[in-house]
Amino acid sequence: QVQLVESGGGLVQPGGSLRLSCATSGRIFSFNAMAWYRQAPGKQRELVAAITRGHTTTYADSVKGRFTISRDNAKNTVYLQMNSLKPEDTAVYYCNAGASISALYSPRDYWGQGTQVTVSS
């Protein structure tokens, strides 16, 4: 059974912050890498940040310097700290797991329900 539970989204003003959490099973967390994705209405799903078990990270250019991905191996949880939020960050945010960061650009077809982030004044 695949378990990916995203939480922490909400409504925030431009310039504000949110911290997203992705709780997983031990089986899913045993993959080498995990990532956060987002999908806005009418847009393709895009990878925004990824992290390996060794804490190597990568970010989309649009979020560099504003978002930080981290993981707590003891809790089987991945986080996304989102600062200086912009209206264009509005989307449903999802997490997933894969064998490597490169593999996460073609993710497994197993998804949680996502968490909605809305940035609006």
PDB file of N, CA and C in Angstrom:
ATOM      1  N   GLN A   1       0.843  -1.180   0.000  1.00  0.00           N
ATOM      2  CA  GLN A   1       0.000   0.000   0.000  1.00  0.00           C
ATOM      3  C   GLN A   1       0.890   1.247   0.000  1.00  0.00           C
ATOM      4  N   VAL A   2       0.644   2.137  -0.959  1.00  0.00           N
ATOM      5  CA  VAL A   2       1.394   3.377  -1.067  1.00  0.00           C
ATOM      6  C   VAL A   2       0.752   4.418  -0.161  1.00  0.00           C
ATOM      7  N   GLN A   3       1.581   5.086   0.632  1.00  0.00           N
ATOM      8  CA  GLN A   3       1.089   6.123   1.526  1.00  0.00           C
ATOM      9  C   GLN A   3       1.933   7.379   1.370  1.00  0.00           C
ATOM     10  N   LEU A   4       1.292   8.450   0.932  1.00  0.00           N
ATOM     11  CA  LEU A   4       1.892   9.772   0.823  1.00  0.00           C
ATOM     12  C   LEU A   4       0.833  10.759   1.289  1.00  0.00           C
ATOM     13  N   VAL A   5       1.085  11.433   2.386  1.00  0.00           N
ATOM     14  CA  VAL A   5       0.099  12.326   2.973  1.00  0.00           C
ATOM     15  C   VAL A   5       0.701  13.711   3.093  1.00  0.00           C
ATOM     16  N   GLU A   6       0.245  14.624   2.243  1.00  0.00           N
ATOM     17  CA  GLU A   6       0.715  16.001   2.237  1.00  0.00           C
ATOM     18  C   GLU A   6      -0.180  16.859   3.131  1.00  0.00           C
ATOM     19  N   SER A   7       0.429  17.814   3.818  1.00  0.00           N
ATOM     20  CA  SER A   7      -0.329  18.717   4.666  1.00  0.00           C
ATOM     21  C   SER A   7       0.419  20.035   4.799  1.00  0.00           C
ATOM     22  N   GLY A   8      -0.251  21.033   5.363  1.00  0.00           N
ATOM     23  CA  GLY A   8       0.376  22.306   5.665  1.00  0.00           C
ATOM     24  C   GLY A   8       0.022  23.441   4.736  1.00  0.00           C
ATOM     25  N   GLY A   9      -0.728  23.177   3.682  1.00  0.00           N
ATOM     26  CA  GLY A   9      -1.117  24.235   2.771  1.00  0.00           C
ATOM     27  C   GLY A   9      -2.151  25.159   3.375  1.00  0.00           C
ATOM     28  N   GLY A  10      -2.457  26.219   2.640  1.00  0.00           N
ATOM     29  CA  GLY A  10      -3.438  27.181   3.098  1.00  0.00           C
ATOM     30  C   GLY A  10      -3.405  28.437   2.277  1.00  0.00           C
ATOM     31  N   LEU A  11      -4.088  29.448   2.772  1.00  0.00           N
ATOM     32  CA  LEU A  11      -4.156  30.758   2.132  1.00  0.00           C
ATOM     33  C   LEU A  11      -3.187  31.700   2.819  1.00  0.00           C
ATOM     34  N   VAL A  12      -2.342  32.353   2.035  1.00  0.00           N
ATOM     35  CA  VAL A  12      -1.337  33.253   2.585  1.00  0.00           C
ATOM     36  C   VAL A  12      -1.183  34.464   1.677  1.00  0.00           C
ATOM     37  N   GLN A  13      -0.833  35.607   2.257  1.00  0.00           N
ATOM     38  CA  GLN A  13      -0.602  36.812   1.471  1.00  0.00           C
ATOM     39  C   GLN A  13       0.760  36.763   0.780  1.00  0.00           C
ATOM     40  N   PRO A  14       0.911  37.476  -0.337  1.00  0.00           N
ATOM     41  CA  PRO A  14       2.239  37.562  -0.955  1.00  0.00           C
ATOM     42  C   PRO A  14       3.288  38.012   0.049  1.00  0.00           C
ATOM     43  N   GLY A  15       4.447  37.366  -0.010  1.00  0.00           N
ATOM     44  CA  GLY A  15       5.511  37.629   0.944  1.00  0.00           C
ATOM     45  C   GLY A  15       5.469  36.764   2.182  1.00  0.00           C
ATOM     46  N   GLY A  16       4.395  36.028   2.368  1.00  0.00           N
ATOM     47  CA  GLY A  16       4.251  35.175   3.533  1.00  0.00           C
ATOM     48  C   GLY A  16       4.964  33.848   3.390  1.00  0.00           C
ATOM     49  N   SER A  17       4.790  32.995   4.401  1.00  0.00           N
ATOM     50  CA  SER A  17       5.485  31.714   4.461  1.00  0.00           C
ATOM     51  C   SER A  17       4.534  30.589   4.831  1.00  0.00           C
ATOM     52  N   LEU A  18       4.861  29.395   4.361  1.00  0.00           N
ATOM     53  CA  LEU A  18       4.186  28.167   4.744  1.00  0.00           C
ATOM     54  C   LEU A  18       5.217  27.059   4.845  1.00  0.00           C
ATOM     55  N   ARG A  19       4.922  26.057   5.673  1.00  0.00           N
ATOM     56  CA  ARG A  19       5.762  24.871   5.782  1.00  0.00           C
ATOM     57  C   ARG A  19       4.903  23.648   5.479  1.00  0.00           C
ATOM     58  N   LEU A  20       5.224  22.951   4.398  1.00  0.00           N
ATOM     59  CA  LEU A  20       4.503  21.761   3.996  1.00  0.00           C
ATOM     60  C   LEU A  20       5.185  20.516   4.545  1.00  0.00           C
ATOM     61  N   SER A  21       4.384  19.500   4.845  1.00  0.00           N
ATOM     62  CA  SER A  21       4.897  18.224   5.321  1.00  0.00           C
ATOM     63  C   SER A  21       4.389  17.098   4.438  1.00  0.00           C
ATOM     64  N   CYS A  22       5.223  16.098   4.232  1.00  0.00           N
ATOM     65  CA  CYS A  22       4.860  14.890   3.506  1.00  0.00           C
ATOM     66  C   CYS A  22       5.197  13.705   4.392  1.00  0.00           C
ATOM     67  N   ALA A  23       4.172  13.095   4.955  1.00  0.00           N
ATOM     68  CA  ALA A  23       4.354  11.922   5.801  1.00  0.00           C
ATOM     69  C   ALA A  23       4.239  10.670   4.943  1.00  0.00           C
ATOM     70  N   THR A  24       5.166   9.737   5.123  1.00  0.00           N
ATOM     71  CA  THR A  24       5.212   8.541   4.288  1.00  0.00           C
ATOM     72  C   THR A  24       5.358   7.291   5.135  1.00  0.00           C
ATOM     73  N   SER A  25       5.127   6.151   4.495  1.00  0.00           N
ATOM     74  CA  SER A  25       5.426   4.873   5.113  1.00  0.00           C
ATOM     75  C   SER A  25       6.923   4.610   5.040  1.00  0.00           C
ATOM     76  N   GLY A  26       7.401   3.691   5.848  1.00  0.00           N
ATOM     77  CA  GLY A  26       8.798   3.315   5.788  1.00  0.00           C
ATOM     78  C   GLY A  26       9.184   2.740   4.441  1.00  0.00           C
ATOM     79  N   ARG A  27       8.269   2.014   3.802  1.00  0.00           N
ATOM     80  CA  ARG A  27       8.543   1.439   2.490  1.00  0.00           C
ATOM     81  C   ARG A  27       8.812   2.541   1.472  1.00  0.00           C
ATOM     82  N   ILE A  28       7.992   3.572   1.460  1.00  0.00           N
ATOM     83  CA  ILE A  28       8.179   4.671   0.516  1.00  0.00           C
ATOM     84  C   ILE A  28       9.432   5.462   0.862  1.00  0.00           C
ATOM     85  N   PHE A  29       9.665   5.683   2.124  1.00  0.00           N
ATOM     86  CA  PHE A  29      10.816   6.463   2.538  1.00  0.00           C
ATOM     87  C   PHE A  29      12.126   5.732   2.291  1.00  0.00           C
ATOM     88  N   SER A  30      12.077   4.437   2.008  1.00  0.00           N
ATOM     89  CA  SER A  30      13.287   3.686   1.693  1.00  0.00           C
ATOM     90  C   SER A  30      13.828   4.012   0.308  1.00  0.00           C
ATOM     91  N   PHE A  31      13.053   4.668  -0.560  1.00  0.00           N
ATOM     92  CA  PHE A  31      13.577   5.145  -1.837  1.00  0.00           C
ATOM     93  C   PHE A  31      14.700   6.139  -1.584  1.00  0.00           C
ATOM     94  N   ASN A  32      15.611   6.235  -2.548  1.00  0.00           N
ATOM     95  CA  ASN A  32      16.793   7.055  -2.359  1.00  0.00           C
ATOM     96  C   ASN A  32      16.494   8.543  -2.341  1.00  0.00           C
ATOM     97  N   ALA A  33      15.445   8.965  -3.044  1.00  0.00           N
ATOM     98  CA  ALA A  33      15.179  10.384  -3.186  1.00  0.00           C
ATOM     99  C   ALA A  33      13.691  10.671  -3.091  1.00  0.00           C
ATOM    100  N   MET A  34      13.383  11.888  -2.639  1.00  0.00           N
ATOM    101  CA  MET A  34      12.004  12.347  -2.592  1.00  0.00           C
ATOM    102  C   MET A  34      11.935  13.759  -3.145  1.00  0.00           C
ATOM    103  N   ALA A  35      10.739  14.143  -3.576  1.00  0.00           N
ATOM    104  CA  ALA A  35      10.581  15.439  -4.206  1.00  0.00           C
ATOM    105  C   ALA A  35       9.213  16.032  -3.917  1.00  0.00           C
ATOM    106  N   TRP A  36       9.159  17.343  -4.023  1.00  0.00           N
ATOM    107  CA  TRP A  36       7.914  18.094  -4.041  1.00  0.00           C
ATOM    108  C   TRP A  36       7.627  18.551  -5.463  1.00  0.00           C
ATOM    109  N   TYR A  37       6.353  18.457  -5.848  1.00  0.00           N
ATOM    110  CA  TYR A  37       5.860  18.901  -7.137  1.00  0.00           C
ATOM    111  C   TYR A  37       4.705  19.865  -6.916  1.00  0.00           C
ATOM    112  N   ARG A  38       4.370  20.610  -7.953  1.00  0.00           N
ATOM    113  CA  ARG A  38       3.166  21.422  -7.892  1.00  0.00           C
ATOM    114  C   ARG A  38       2.480  21.440  -9.247  1.00  0.00           C
ATOM    115  N   GLN A  39       1.180  21.647  -9.207  1.00  0.00           N
ATOM    116  CA  GLN A  39       0.392  21.739 -10.426  1.00  0.00           C
ATOM    117  C   GLN A  39      -0.648  22.834 -10.261  1.00  0.00           C
ATOM    118  N   ALA A  40      -0.534  23.854 -11.087  1.00  0.00           N
ATOM    119  CA  ALA A  40      -1.501  24.940 -11.117  1.00  0.00           C
ATOM    120  C   ALA A  40      -2.563  24.633 -12.160  1.00  0.00           C
ATOM    121  N   PRO A  41      -3.750  25.239 -12.031  1.00  0.00           N
ATOM    122  CA  PRO A  41      -4.811  24.990 -13.015  1.00  0.00           C
ATOM    123  C   PRO A  41      -4.345  25.287 -14.436  1.00  0.00           C
ATOM    124  N   GLY A  42      -4.581  24.348 -15.338  1.00  0.00           N
ATOM    125  CA  GLY A  42      -4.206  24.520 -16.727  1.00  0.00           C
ATOM    126  C   GLY A  42      -2.725  24.386 -17.017  1.00  0.00           C
ATOM    127  N   LYS A  43      -1.928  24.003 -16.028  1.00  0.00           N
ATOM    128  CA  LYS A  43      -0.487  23.897 -16.195  1.00  0.00           C
ATOM    129  C   LYS A  43      -0.013  22.462 -15.991  1.00  0.00           C
ATOM    130  N   GLN A  44       1.165  22.161 -16.523  1.00  0.00           N
ATOM    131  CA  GLN A  44       1.802  20.872 -16.297  1.00  0.00           C
ATOM    132  C   GLN A  44       2.301  20.776 -14.862  1.00  0.00           C
ATOM    133  N   ARG A  45       2.300  19.567 -14.322  1.00  0.00           N
ATOM    134  CA  ARG A  45       2.926  19.340 -13.029  1.00  0.00           C
ATOM    135  C   ARG A  45       4.435  19.542 -13.164  1.00  0.00           C
ATOM    136  N   GLU A  46       5.038  20.238 -12.227  1.00  0.00           N
ATOM    137  CA  GLU A  46       6.464  20.488 -12.277  1.00  0.00           C
ATOM    138  C   GLU A  46       7.126  20.124 -10.959  1.00  0.00           C
ATOM    139  N   LEU A  47       8.352  19.654 -11.059  1.00  0.00           N
ATOM    140  CA  LEU A  47       9.160  19.383  -9.875  1.00  0.00           C
ATOM    141  C   LEU A  47       9.707  20.704  -9.356  1.00  0.00           C
ATOM    142  N   VAL A  48       9.531  20.955  -8.065  1.00  0.00           N
ATOM    143  CA  VAL A  48      10.022  22.198  -7.481  1.00  0.00           C
ATOM    144  C   VAL A  48      11.233  22.001  -6.588  1.00  0.00           C
ATOM    145  N   ALA A  49      11.378  20.839  -5.967  1.00  0.00           N
ATOM    146  CA  ALA A  49      12.515  20.580  -5.093  1.00  0.00           C
ATOM    147  C   ALA A  49      12.655  19.085  -4.879  1.00  0.00           C
ATOM    148  N   ALA A  50      13.890  18.608  -4.721  1.00  0.00           N
ATOM    149  CA  ALA A  50      14.146  17.193  -4.477  1.00  0.00           C
ATOM    150  C   ALA A  50      15.299  17.045  -3.499  1.00  0.00           C
ATOM    151  N   ILE A  51      15.308  15.903  -2.806  1.00  0.00           N
ATOM    152  CA  ILE A  51      16.347  15.630  -1.818  1.00  0.00           C
ATOM    153  C   ILE A  51      16.631  14.143  -1.767  1.00  0.00           C
ATOM    154  N   THR A  52      17.904  13.772  -1.626  1.00  0.00           N
ATOM    155  CA  THR A  52      18.304  12.378  -1.502  1.00  0.00           C
ATOM    156  C   THR A  52      18.454  11.996  -0.042  1.00  0.00           C
ATOM    157  N   ARG A  53      18.647  10.689   0.204  1.00  0.00           N
ATOM    158  CA  ARG A  53      18.899  10.233   1.560  1.00  0.00           C
ATOM    159  C   ARG A  53      20.180  10.832   2.117  1.00  0.00           C
ATOM    160  N   GLY A  54      21.112  11.186   1.241  1.00  0.00           N
ATOM    161  CA  GLY A  54      22.335  11.852   1.649  1.00  0.00           C
ATOM    162  C   GLY A  54      22.226  13.354   1.714  1.00  0.00           C
ATOM    163  N   HIS A  55      21.029  13.889   1.561  1.00  0.00           N
ATOM    164  CA  HIS A  55      20.727  15.311   1.717  1.00  0.00           C
ATOM    165  C   HIS A  55      21.252  16.176   0.576  1.00  0.00           C
ATOM    166  N   THR A  56      21.519  15.568  -0.581  1.00  0.00           N
ATOM    167  CA  THR A  56      21.743  16.354  -1.782  1.00  0.00           C
ATOM    168  C   THR A  56      20.416  16.942  -2.242  1.00  0.00           C
ATOM    169  N   THR A  57      20.407  18.211  -2.621  1.00  0.00           N
ATOM    170  CA  THR A  57      19.162  18.885  -2.991  1.00  0.00           C
ATOM    171  C   THR A  57      19.254  19.523  -4.362  1.00  0.00           C
ATOM    172  N   THR A  58      18.090  19.730  -4.966  1.00  0.00           N
ATOM    173  CA  THR A  58      17.983  20.485  -6.201  1.00  0.00           C
ATOM    174  C   THR A  58      16.667  21.251  -6.179  1.00  0.00           C
ATOM    175  N   TYR A  59      16.642  22.392  -6.875  1.00  0.00           N
ATOM    176  CA  TYR A  59      15.473  23.256  -6.885  1.00  0.00           C
ATOM    177  C   TYR A  59      15.199  23.758  -8.284  1.00  0.00           C
ATOM    178  N   ALA A  60      13.919  23.968  -8.576  1.00  0.00           N
ATOM    179  CA  ALA A  60      13.561  24.673  -9.793  1.00  0.00           C
ATOM    180  C   ALA A  60      14.039  26.118  -9.700  1.00  0.00           C
ATOM    181  N   ASP A  61      14.424  26.680 -10.844  1.00  0.00           N
ATOM    182  CA  ASP A  61      14.916  28.055 -10.848  1.00  0.00           C
ATOM    183  C   ASP A  61      13.902  29.032 -10.249  1.00  0.00           C
ATOM    184  N   SER A  62      12.624  28.765 -10.436  1.00  0.00           N
ATOM    185  CA  SER A  62      11.593  29.675  -9.984  1.00  0.00           C
ATOM    186  C   SER A  62      11.487  29.778  -8.464  1.00  0.00           C
ATOM    187  N   VAL A  63      12.048  28.808  -7.735  1.00  0.00           N
ATOM    188  CA  VAL A  63      11.924  28.812  -6.277  1.00  0.00           C
ATOM    189  C   VAL A  63      13.263  28.914  -5.563  1.00  0.00           C
ATOM    190  N   LYS A  64      14.364  28.908  -6.284  1.00  0.00           N
ATOM    191  CA  LYS A  64      15.681  28.989  -5.652  1.00  0.00           C
ATOM    192  C   LYS A  64      15.798  30.243  -4.798  1.00  0.00           C
ATOM    193  N   GLY A  65      16.319  30.060  -3.602  1.00  0.00           N
ATOM    194  CA  GLY A  65      16.473  31.167  -2.682  1.00  0.00           C
ATOM    195  C   GLY A  65      15.250  31.449  -1.841  1.00  0.00           C
ATOM    196  N   ARG A  66      14.119  30.829  -2.178  1.00  0.00           N
ATOM    197  CA  ARG A  66      12.877  31.046  -1.432  1.00  0.00           C
ATOM    198  C   ARG A  66      12.376  29.791  -0.731  1.00  0.00           C
ATOM    199  N   PHE A  67      12.555  28.620  -1.354  1.00  0.00           N
ATOM    200  CA  PHE A  67      12.076  27.356  -0.805  1.00  0.00           C
ATOM    201  C   PHE A  67      13.252  26.523  -0.316  1.00  0.00           C
ATOM    202  N   THR A  68      13.025  25.741   0.735  1.00  0.00           N
ATOM    203  CA  THR A  68      14.029  24.823   1.254  1.00  0.00           C
ATOM    204  C   THR A  68      13.393  23.471   1.527  1.00  0.00           C
ATOM    205  N   ILE A  69      13.950  22.414   0.942  1.00  0.00           N
ATOM    206  CA  ILE A  69      13.477  21.059   1.189  1.00  0.00           C
ATOM    207  C   ILE A  69      14.370  20.408   2.241  1.00  0.00           C
ATOM    208  N   SER A  70      13.764  19.617   3.118  1.00  0.00           N
ATOM    209  CA  SER A  70      14.512  18.906   4.140  1.00  0.00           C
ATOM    210  C   SER A  70      13.814  17.590   4.450  1.00  0.00           C
ATOM    211  N   ARG A  71      14.483  16.726   5.208  1.00  0.00           N
ATOM    212  CA  ARG A  71      13.885  15.447   5.563  1.00  0.00           C
ATOM    213  C   ARG A  71      14.291  15.047   6.962  1.00  0.00           C
ATOM    214  N   ASP A  72      13.391  14.339   7.625  1.00  0.00           N
ATOM    215  CA  ASP A  72      13.622  13.791   8.944  1.00  0.00           C
ATOM    216  C   ASP A  72      13.478  12.283   8.804  1.00  0.00           C
ATOM    217  N   ASN A  73      14.599  11.584   8.751  1.00  0.00           N
ATOM    218  CA  ASN A  73      14.558  10.151   8.503  1.00  0.00           C
ATOM    219  C   ASN A  73      13.894   9.380   9.636  1.00  0.00           C
ATOM    220  N   ALA A  74      14.015   9.879  10.864  1.00  0.00           N
ATOM    221  CA  ALA A  74      13.398   9.202  11.998  1.00  0.00           C
ATOM    222  C   ALA A  74      11.880   9.252  11.926  1.00  0.00           C
ATOM    223  N   LYS A  75      11.338  10.296  11.304  1.00  0.00           N
ATOM    224  CA  LYS A  75       9.893  10.463  11.200  1.00  0.00           C
ATOM    225  C   LYS A  75       9.333  10.085   9.832  1.00  0.00           C
ATOM    226  N   ASN A  76      10.173   9.633   8.917  1.00  0.00           N
ATOM    227  CA  ASN A  76       9.744   9.300   7.554  1.00  0.00           C
ATOM    228  C   ASN A  76       8.983  10.467   6.918  1.00  0.00           C
ATOM    229  N   THR A  77       9.497  11.671   7.097  1.00  0.00           N
ATOM    230  CA  THR A  77       8.793  12.871   6.685  1.00  0.00           C
ATOM    231  C   THR A  77       9.719  13.806   5.906  1.00  0.00           C
ATOM    232  N   VAL A  78       9.174  14.408   4.847  1.00  0.00           N
ATOM    233  CA  VAL A  78       9.868  15.413   4.051  1.00  0.00           C
ATOM    234  C   VAL A  78       9.124  16.733   4.195  1.00  0.00           C
ATOM    235  N   TYR A  79       9.872  17.819   4.264  1.00  0.00           N
ATOM    236  CA  TYR A  79       9.292  19.138   4.465  1.00  0.00           C
ATOM    237  C   TYR A  79       9.650  20.067   3.312  1.00  0.00           C
ATOM    238  N   LEU A  80       8.817  21.075   3.124  1.00  0.00           N
ATOM    239  CA  LEU A  80       9.123  22.147   2.187  1.00  0.00           C
ATOM    240  C   LEU A  80       8.817  23.470   2.864  1.00  0.00           C
ATOM    241  N   GLN A  81       9.863  24.196   3.227  1.00  0.00           N
ATOM    242  CA  GLN A  81       9.707  25.529   3.784  1.00  0.00           C
ATOM    243  C   GLN A  81       9.614  26.513   2.635  1.00  0.00           C
ATOM    244  N   MET A  82       8.523  27.263   2.585  1.00  0.00           N
ATOM    245  CA  MET A  82       8.233  28.175   1.484  1.00  0.00           C
ATOM    246  C   MET A  82       8.186  29.594   2.034  1.00  0.00           C
ATOM    247  N   ASN A  83       9.146  30.421   1.630  1.00  0.00           N
ATOM    248  CA  ASN A  83       9.217  31.809   2.064  1.00  0.00           C
ATOM    249  C   ASN A  83       9.031  32.741   0.876  1.00  0.00           C
ATOM    250  N   SER A  84       8.740  33.991   1.172  1.00  0.00           N
ATOM    251  CA  SER A  84       8.577  35.022   0.142  1.00  0.00           C
ATOM    252  C   SER A  84       7.624  34.562  -0.957  1.00  0.00           C
ATOM    253  N   LEU A  85       6.491  34.050  -0.553  1.00  0.00           N
ATOM    254  CA  LEU A  85       5.559  33.451  -1.501  1.00  0.00           C
ATOM    255  C   LEU A  85       4.982  34.494  -2.457  1.00  0.00           C
ATOM    256  N   LYS A  86       4.780  34.060  -3.696  1.00  0.00           N
ATOM    257  CA  LYS A  86       4.253  34.892  -4.769  1.00  0.00           C
ATOM    258  C   LYS A  86       2.942  34.305  -5.274  1.00  0.00           C
ATOM    259  N   PRO A  87       2.084  35.126  -5.879  1.00  0.00           N
ATOM    260  CA  PRO A  87       0.842  34.571  -6.438  1.00  0.00           C
ATOM    261  C   PRO A  87       1.081  33.429  -7.419  1.00  0.00           C
ATOM    262  N   GLU A  88       2.164  33.461  -8.173  1.00  0.00           N
ATOM    263  CA  GLU A  88       2.448  32.394  -9.121  1.00  0.00           C
ATOM    264  C   GLU A  88       2.849  31.082  -8.467  1.00  0.00           C
ATOM    265  N   ASP A  89       3.037  31.066  -7.145  1.00  0.00           N
ATOM    266  CA  ASP A  89       3.269  29.826  -6.415  1.00  0.00           C
ATOM    267  C   ASP A  89       1.970  29.082  -6.124  1.00  0.00           C
ATOM    268  N   THR A  90       0.840  29.691  -6.415  1.00  0.00           N
ATOM    269  CA  THR A  90      -0.451  29.060  -6.158  1.00  0.00           C
ATOM    270  C   THR A  90      -0.575  27.773  -6.959  1.00  0.00           C
ATOM    271  N   ALA A  91      -0.852  26.665  -6.275  1.00  0.00           N
ATOM    272  CA  ALA A  91      -0.928  25.351  -6.913  1.00  0.00           C
ATOM    273  C   ALA A  91      -1.294  24.322  -5.861  1.00  0.00           C
ATOM    274  N   VAL A  92      -1.590  23.111  -6.325  1.00  0.00           N
ATOM    275  CA  VAL A  92      -1.657  21.962  -5.439  1.00  0.00           C
ATOM    276  C   VAL A  92      -0.263  21.353  -5.383  1.00  0.00           C
ATOM    277  N   TYR A  93       0.231  21.117  -4.185  1.00  0.00           N
ATOM    278  CA  TYR A  93       1.570  20.602  -3.984  1.00  0.00           C
ATOM    279  C   TYR A  93       1.504  19.125  -3.592  1.00  0.00           C
ATOM    280  N   TYR A  94       2.340  18.311  -4.236  1.00  0.00           N
ATOM    281  CA  TYR A  94       2.400  16.874  -4.024  1.00  0.00           C
ATOM    282  C   TYR A  94       3.835  16.450  -3.714  1.00  0.00           C
ATOM    283  N   CYS A  95       3.975  15.302  -3.075  1.00  0.00           N
ATOM    284  CA  CYS A  95       5.292  14.702  -2.936  1.00  0.00           C
ATOM    285  C   CYS A  95       5.307  13.319  -3.570  1.00  0.00           C
ATOM    286  N   ASN A  96       6.503  12.822  -3.847  1.00  0.00           N
ATOM    287  CA  ASN A  96       6.663  11.481  -4.389  1.00  0.00           C
ATOM    288  C   ASN A  96       8.086  11.014  -4.106  1.00  0.00           C
ATOM    289  N   ALA A  97       8.361   9.750  -4.417  1.00  0.00           N
ATOM    290  CA  ALA A  97       9.645   9.122  -4.149  1.00  0.00           C
ATOM    291  C   ALA A  97      10.172   8.456  -5.399  1.00  0.00           C
ATOM    292  N   GLY A  98      11.498   8.311  -5.481  1.00  0.00           N
ATOM    293  CA  GLY A  98      12.113   7.659  -6.621  1.00  0.00           C
ATOM    294  C   GLY A  98      13.516   7.193  -6.312  1.00  0.00           C
ATOM    295  N   ALA A  99      14.103   6.485  -7.267  1.00  0.00           N
ATOM    296  CA  ALA A  99      15.421   5.901  -7.078  1.00  0.00           C
ATOM    297  C   ALA A  99      16.540   6.940  -7.089  1.00  0.00           C
ATOM    298  N   SER A 100      16.303   8.086  -7.712  1.00  0.00           N
ATOM    299  CA  SER A 100      17.300   9.135  -7.825  1.00  0.00           C
ATOM    300  C   SER A 100      16.593  10.436  -8.136  1.00  0.00           C
ATOM    301  N   ILE A 101      17.332  11.544  -8.036  1.00  0.00           N
ATOM    302  CA  ILE A 101      16.738  12.820  -8.403  1.00  0.00           C
ATOM    303  C   ILE A 101      16.371  12.830  -9.881  1.00  0.00           C
ATOM    304  N   SER A 102      17.228  12.295 -10.731  1.00  0.00           N
ATOM    305  CA  SER A 102      16.910  12.269 -12.158  1.00  0.00           C
ATOM    306  C   SER A 102      15.638  11.462 -12.421  1.00  0.00           C
ATOM    307  N   ALA A 103      15.444  10.356 -11.703  1.00  0.00           N
ATOM    308  CA  ALA A 103      14.233   9.553 -11.870  1.00  0.00           C
ATOM    309  C   ALA A 103      12.988  10.324 -11.474  1.00  0.00           C
ATOM    310  N   LEU A 104      13.112  11.281 -10.577  1.00  0.00           N
ATOM    311  CA  LEU A 104      11.958  12.024 -10.099  1.00  0.00           C
ATOM    312  C   LEU A 104      11.404  12.995 -11.128  1.00  0.00           C
ATOM    313  N   TYR A 105      12.126  13.229 -12.213  1.00  0.00           N
ATOM    314  CA  TYR A 105      11.570  14.014 -13.303  1.00  0.00           C
ATOM    315  C   TYR A 105      10.595  13.196 -14.148  1.00  0.00           C
ATOM    316  N   SER A 106      10.570  11.890 -13.946  1.00  0.00           N
ATOM    317  CA  SER A 106       9.570  10.988 -14.515  1.00  0.00           C
ATOM    318  C   SER A 106       9.026  10.150 -13.365  1.00  0.00           C
ATOM    319  N   PRO A 107       8.199  10.734 -12.519  1.00  0.00           N
ATOM    320  CA  PRO A 107       7.856  10.106 -11.235  1.00  0.00           C
ATOM    321  C   PRO A 107       6.955   8.883 -11.360  1.00  0.00           C
ATOM    322  N   ARG A 108       6.982   8.077 -10.294  1.00  0.00           N
ATOM    323  CA  ARG A 108       6.058   6.958 -10.168  1.00  0.00           C
ATOM    324  C   ARG A 108       4.635   7.477 -10.228  1.00  0.00           C
ATOM    325  N   ASP A 109       3.744   6.653 -10.742  1.00  0.00           N
ATOM    326  CA  ASP A 109       2.350   7.049 -10.860  1.00  0.00           C
ATOM    327  C   ASP A 109       1.578   6.684  -9.593  1.00  0.00           C
ATOM    328  N   TYR A 110       2.088   7.139  -8.465  1.00  0.00           N
ATOM    329  CA  TYR A 110       1.429   6.984  -7.179  1.00  0.00           C
ATOM    330  C   TYR A 110       1.487   8.330  -6.486  1.00  0.00           C
ATOM    331  N   TRP A 111       0.315   8.887  -6.188  1.00  0.00           N
ATOM    332  CA  TRP A 111       0.246  10.232  -5.632  1.00  0.00           C
ATOM    333  C   TRP A 111      -0.704  10.296  -4.458  1.00  0.00           C
ATOM    334  N   GLY A 112      -0.380  11.165  -3.508  1.00  0.00           N
ATOM    335  CA  GLY A 112      -1.320  11.485  -2.455  1.00  0.00           C
ATOM    336  C   GLY A 112      -2.358  12.469  -2.944  1.00  0.00           C
ATOM    337  N   GLN A 113      -3.152  12.998  -2.027  1.00  0.00           N
ATOM    338  CA  GLN A 113      -4.198  13.936  -2.419  1.00  0.00           C
ATOM    339  C   GLN A 113      -3.669  15.346  -2.638  1.00  0.00           C
ATOM    340  N   GLY A 114      -2.461  15.630  -2.204  1.00  0.00           N
ATOM    341  CA  GLY A 114      -1.885  16.955  -2.345  1.00  0.00           C
ATOM    342  C   GLY A 114      -2.407  17.913  -1.296  1.00  0.00           C
ATOM    343  N   THR A 115      -1.773  19.085  -1.235  1.00  0.00           N
ATOM    344  CA  THR A 115      -2.218  20.136  -0.338  1.00  0.00           C
ATOM    345  C   THR A 115      -2.237  21.457  -1.105  1.00  0.00           C
ATOM    346  N   GLN A 116      -3.333  22.188  -0.975  1.00  0.00           N
ATOM    347  CA  GLN A 116      -3.538  23.412  -1.742  1.00  0.00           C
ATOM    348  C   GLN A 116      -2.800  24.578  -1.105  1.00  0.00           C
ATOM    349  N   VAL A 117      -2.028  25.289  -1.917  1.00  0.00           N
ATOM    350  CA  VAL A 117      -1.379  26.529  -1.514  1.00  0.00           C
ATOM    351  C   VAL A 117      -1.954  27.652  -2.366  1.00  0.00           C
ATOM    352  N   THR A 118      -2.507  28.658  -1.716  1.00  0.00           N
ATOM    353  CA  THR A 118      -3.060  29.804  -2.413  1.00  0.00           C
ATOM    354  C   THR A 118      -2.397  31.064  -1.888  1.00  0.00           C
ATOM    355  N   VAL A 119      -1.785  31.833  -2.786  1.00  0.00           N
ATOM    356  CA  VAL A 119      -1.103  33.073  -2.433  1.00  0.00           C
ATOM    357  C   VAL A 119      -1.886  34.212  -3.072  1.00  0.00           C
ATOM    358  N   SER A 120      -2.502  35.027  -2.247  1.00  0.00           N
ATOM    359  CA  SER A 120      -3.383  36.073  -2.752  1.00  0.00           C
ATOM    360  C   SER A 120      -3.460  37.217  -1.763  1.00  0.00           C
ATOM    361  N   SER A 121      -3.559  38.428  -2.297  1.00  0.00           N
ATOM    362  CA  SER A 121      -3.750  39.607  -1.472  1.00  0.00           C
ATOM    363  C   SER A 121      -5.217  39.981  -1.342  1.00  0.00           C
TER     364      SER A 121
END
